[in-house]
């Protein structure tokens, strides 16, 4: 697995977290697939980690570390990139692919 790292930002610009590229890639795909599978209503943030976990192999889970921490880190970077978004001012937080709301 690659030792190359990727910078993950947050929407409020409170710093950068560097994680291995392979971790970013597997979590990103799992997040996109989970949101896509959730359909038109989007995916509740509270369900995201469980949905990501279901989409990872046993080997990925073993090597990843904290699924919840990595999922949140990658989710925030995807928001900064404009790939996913949440419904503003709504609670609980619901995630959508950009352009799919």
C-alpha atoms as a PDB file:
ATOM      1  CA  UNK A   1       0.000   0.000   0.000  1.00  0.00           C
ATOM      2  CA  UNK A   2       1.169   3.487  -0.811  1.00  0.00           C
ATOM      3  CA  UNK A   3       2.871   5.609   1.823  1.00  0.00           C
ATOM      4  CA  UNK A   4       1.973   8.731  -0.147  1.00  0.00           C
ATOM      5  CA  UNK A   5      -0.305  11.066   1.822  1.00  0.00           C
ATOM      6  CA  UNK A   6      -3.158  13.372   0.899  1.00  0.00           C
ATOM      7  CA  UNK A   7      -4.163  16.573   2.674  1.00  0.00           C
ATOM      8  CA  UNK A   8      -7.737  16.552   3.995  1.00  0.00           C
ATOM      9  CA  UNK A   9      -9.220  19.952   4.759  1.00  0.00           C
ATOM     10  CA  UNK A  10     -12.310  21.055   6.638  1.00  0.00           C
ATOM     11  CA  UNK A  11     -14.997  23.453   5.373  1.00  0.00           C
ATOM     12  CA  UNK A  12     -14.152  25.986   8.101  1.00  0.00           C
ATOM     13  CA  UNK A  13     -10.397  25.874   7.270  1.00  0.00           C
ATOM     14  CA  UNK A  14      -9.339  24.859  10.795  1.00  0.00           C
ATOM     15  CA  UNK A  15      -6.334  22.921   9.632  1.00  0.00           C
ATOM     16  CA  UNK A  16      -5.250  20.032   7.500  1.00  0.00           C
ATOM     17  CA  UNK A  17      -4.980  16.349   8.316  1.00  0.00           C
ATOM     18  CA  UNK A  18      -2.696  14.197   6.177  1.00  0.00           C
ATOM     19  CA  UNK A  19      -3.749  10.585   5.658  1.00  0.00           C
ATOM     20  CA  UNK A  20      -2.392   7.854   3.378  1.00  0.00           C
ATOM     21  CA  UNK A  21      -3.761   8.066  -0.163  1.00  0.00           C
ATOM     22  CA  UNK A  22      -4.974   4.447  -0.121  1.00  0.00           C
ATOM     23  CA  UNK A  23      -7.097   5.166   2.971  1.00  0.00           C
ATOM     24  CA  UNK A  24      -8.554   8.288   1.371  1.00  0.00           C
ATOM     25  CA  UNK A  25      -9.356   6.406  -1.829  1.00  0.00           C
ATOM     26  CA  UNK A  26     -11.157   3.443  -0.218  1.00  0.00           C
ATOM     27  CA  UNK A  27     -13.147   5.679   2.135  1.00  0.00           C
ATOM     28  CA  UNK A  28     -14.046   8.132  -0.659  1.00  0.00           C
ATOM     29  CA  UNK A  29     -15.432   5.341  -2.850  1.00  0.00           C
ATOM     30  CA  UNK A  30     -17.367   3.896   0.093  1.00  0.00           C
ATOM     31  CA  UNK A  31     -18.858   7.312   0.956  1.00  0.00           C
ATOM     32  CA  UNK A  32     -19.874   8.047  -2.639  1.00  0.00           C
ATOM     33  CA  UNK A  33     -21.435   4.585  -2.994  1.00  0.00           C
ATOM     34  CA  UNK A  34     -23.262   4.865   0.341  1.00  0.00           C
ATOM     35  CA  UNK A  35     -24.755   8.249  -0.570  1.00  0.00           C
ATOM     36  CA  UNK A  36     -25.670   7.005  -4.057  1.00  0.00           C
ATOM     37  CA  UNK A  37     -27.341   3.887  -2.630  1.00  0.00           C
ATOM     38  CA  UNK A  38     -29.321   6.021  -0.158  1.00  0.00           C
ATOM     39  CA  UNK A  39     -31.254   7.517  -3.061  1.00  0.00           C
ATOM     40  CA  UNK A  40     -33.030  10.807  -3.446  1.00  0.00           C
ATOM     41  CA  UNK A  41     -33.389  11.517   0.273  1.00  0.00           C
ATOM     42  CA  UNK A  42     -29.629  11.424   0.828  1.00  0.00           C
ATOM     43  CA  UNK A  43     -27.868   9.713   3.718  1.00  0.00           C
ATOM     44  CA  UNK A  44     -28.001  10.695   7.374  1.00  0.00           C
ATOM     45  CA  UNK A  45     -24.542  11.501   8.714  1.00  0.00           C
ATOM     46  CA  UNK A  46     -25.299   9.298  11.713  1.00  0.00           C
ATOM     47  CA  UNK A  47     -25.545   6.316   9.342  1.00  0.00           C
ATOM     48  CA  UNK A  48     -22.423   7.117   7.301  1.00  0.00           C
ATOM     49  CA  UNK A  49     -19.773   5.247   9.308  1.00  0.00           C
ATOM     50  CA  UNK A  50     -21.851   2.066   9.412  1.00  0.00           C
ATOM     51  CA  UNK A  51     -22.509   2.268   5.682  1.00  0.00           C
ATOM     52  CA  UNK A  52     -18.813   2.823   4.968  1.00  0.00           C
ATOM     53  CA  UNK A  53     -17.840  -0.088   7.227  1.00  0.00           C
ATOM     54  CA  UNK A  54     -20.173  -2.431   5.271  1.00  0.00           C
ATOM     55  CA  UNK A  55     -18.409  -1.508   2.024  1.00  0.00           C
ATOM     56  CA  UNK A  56     -14.841  -2.237   3.172  1.00  0.00           C
ATOM     57  CA  UNK A  57     -13.076  -5.581   2.980  1.00  0.00           C
ATOM     58  CA  UNK A  58     -11.815  -7.335   6.107  1.00  0.00           C
ATOM     59  CA  UNK A  59      -8.261  -6.461   5.067  1.00  0.00           C
ATOM     60  CA  UNK A  60      -9.103  -2.778   4.588  1.00  0.00           C
ATOM     61  CA  UNK A  61     -10.843  -2.674   7.966  1.00  0.00           C
ATOM     62  CA  UNK A  62      -7.848  -4.302   9.648  1.00  0.00           C
ATOM     63  CA  UNK A  63      -5.339  -1.878   8.106  1.00  0.00           C
ATOM     64  CA  UNK A  64      -7.460   1.277   8.303  1.00  0.00           C
ATOM     65  CA  UNK A  65      -7.628   2.016  12.018  1.00  0.00           C
ATOM     66  CA  UNK A  66     -10.621   4.042  13.196  1.00  0.00           C
ATOM     67  CA  UNK A  67     -13.340   3.821  10.539  1.00  0.00           C
ATOM     68  CA  UNK A  68     -15.321   6.647  12.137  1.00  0.00           C
ATOM     69  CA  UNK A  69     -12.387   9.051  12.308  1.00  0.00           C
ATOM     70  CA  UNK A  70     -11.268   8.360   8.733  1.00  0.00           C
ATOM     71  CA  UNK A  71     -14.845   8.567   7.427  1.00  0.00           C
ATOM     72  CA  UNK A  72     -15.382  11.982   8.997  1.00  0.00           C
ATOM     73  CA  UNK A  73     -11.983  13.237   7.788  1.00  0.00           C
ATOM     74  CA  UNK A  74     -12.640  12.175   4.190  1.00  0.00           C
ATOM     75  CA  UNK A  75     -16.268  13.420   4.319  1.00  0.00           C
ATOM     76  CA  UNK A  76     -15.059  16.894   5.270  1.00  0.00           C
ATOM     77  CA  UNK A  77     -12.523  16.925   2.412  1.00  0.00           C
ATOM     78  CA  UNK A  78     -15.236  15.846  -0.037  1.00  0.00           C
ATOM     79  CA  UNK A  79     -17.361  18.774   1.172  1.00  0.00           C
ATOM     80  CA  UNK A  80     -14.452  21.172   0.600  1.00  0.00           C
ATOM     81  CA  UNK A  81     -13.958  19.731  -2.907  1.00  0.00           C
ATOM     82  CA  UNK A  82     -17.649  20.176  -3.680  1.00  0.00           C
ATOM     83  CA  UNK A  83     -18.269  16.457  -4.325  1.00  0.00           C
ATOM     84  CA  UNK A  84     -20.802  16.110  -1.515  1.00  0.00           C
ATOM     85  CA  UNK A  85     -22.901  18.558   0.423  1.00  0.00           C
ATOM     86  CA  UNK A  86     -25.271  18.663   3.358  1.00  0.00           C
ATOM     87  CA  UNK A  87     -28.625  20.369   3.589  1.00  0.00           C
ATOM     88  CA  UNK A  88     -27.862  23.725   5.187  1.00  0.00           C
ATOM     89  CA  UNK A  89     -29.652  24.591   8.400  1.00  0.00           C
ATOM     90  CA  UNK A  90     -31.243  21.148   8.736  1.00  0.00           C
ATOM     91  CA  UNK A  91     -30.816  18.704  11.567  1.00  0.00           C
ATOM     92  CA  UNK A  92     -30.026  15.888  11.595  1.00  0.00           C
ATOM     93  CA  UNK A  93     -27.282  16.302   9.005  1.00  0.00           C
ATOM     94  CA  UNK A  94     -28.157  14.653   5.658  1.00  0.00           C
ATOM     95  CA  UNK A  95     -25.573  14.148   2.902  1.00  0.00           C
ATOM     96  CA  UNK A  96     -26.053  14.369  -0.865  1.00  0.00           C
ATOM     97  CA  UNK A  97     -23.858  14.100  -3.927  1.00  0.00           C
ATOM     98  CA  UNK A  98     -23.516  17.566  -5.438  1.00  0.00           C
ATOM     99  CA  UNK A  99     -25.991  17.975  -8.278  1.00  0.00           C
ATOM    100  CA  UNK A 100     -28.145  15.050  -7.060  1.00  0.00           C
ATOM    101  CA  UNK A 101     -30.485  16.903  -4.644  1.00  0.00           C
END
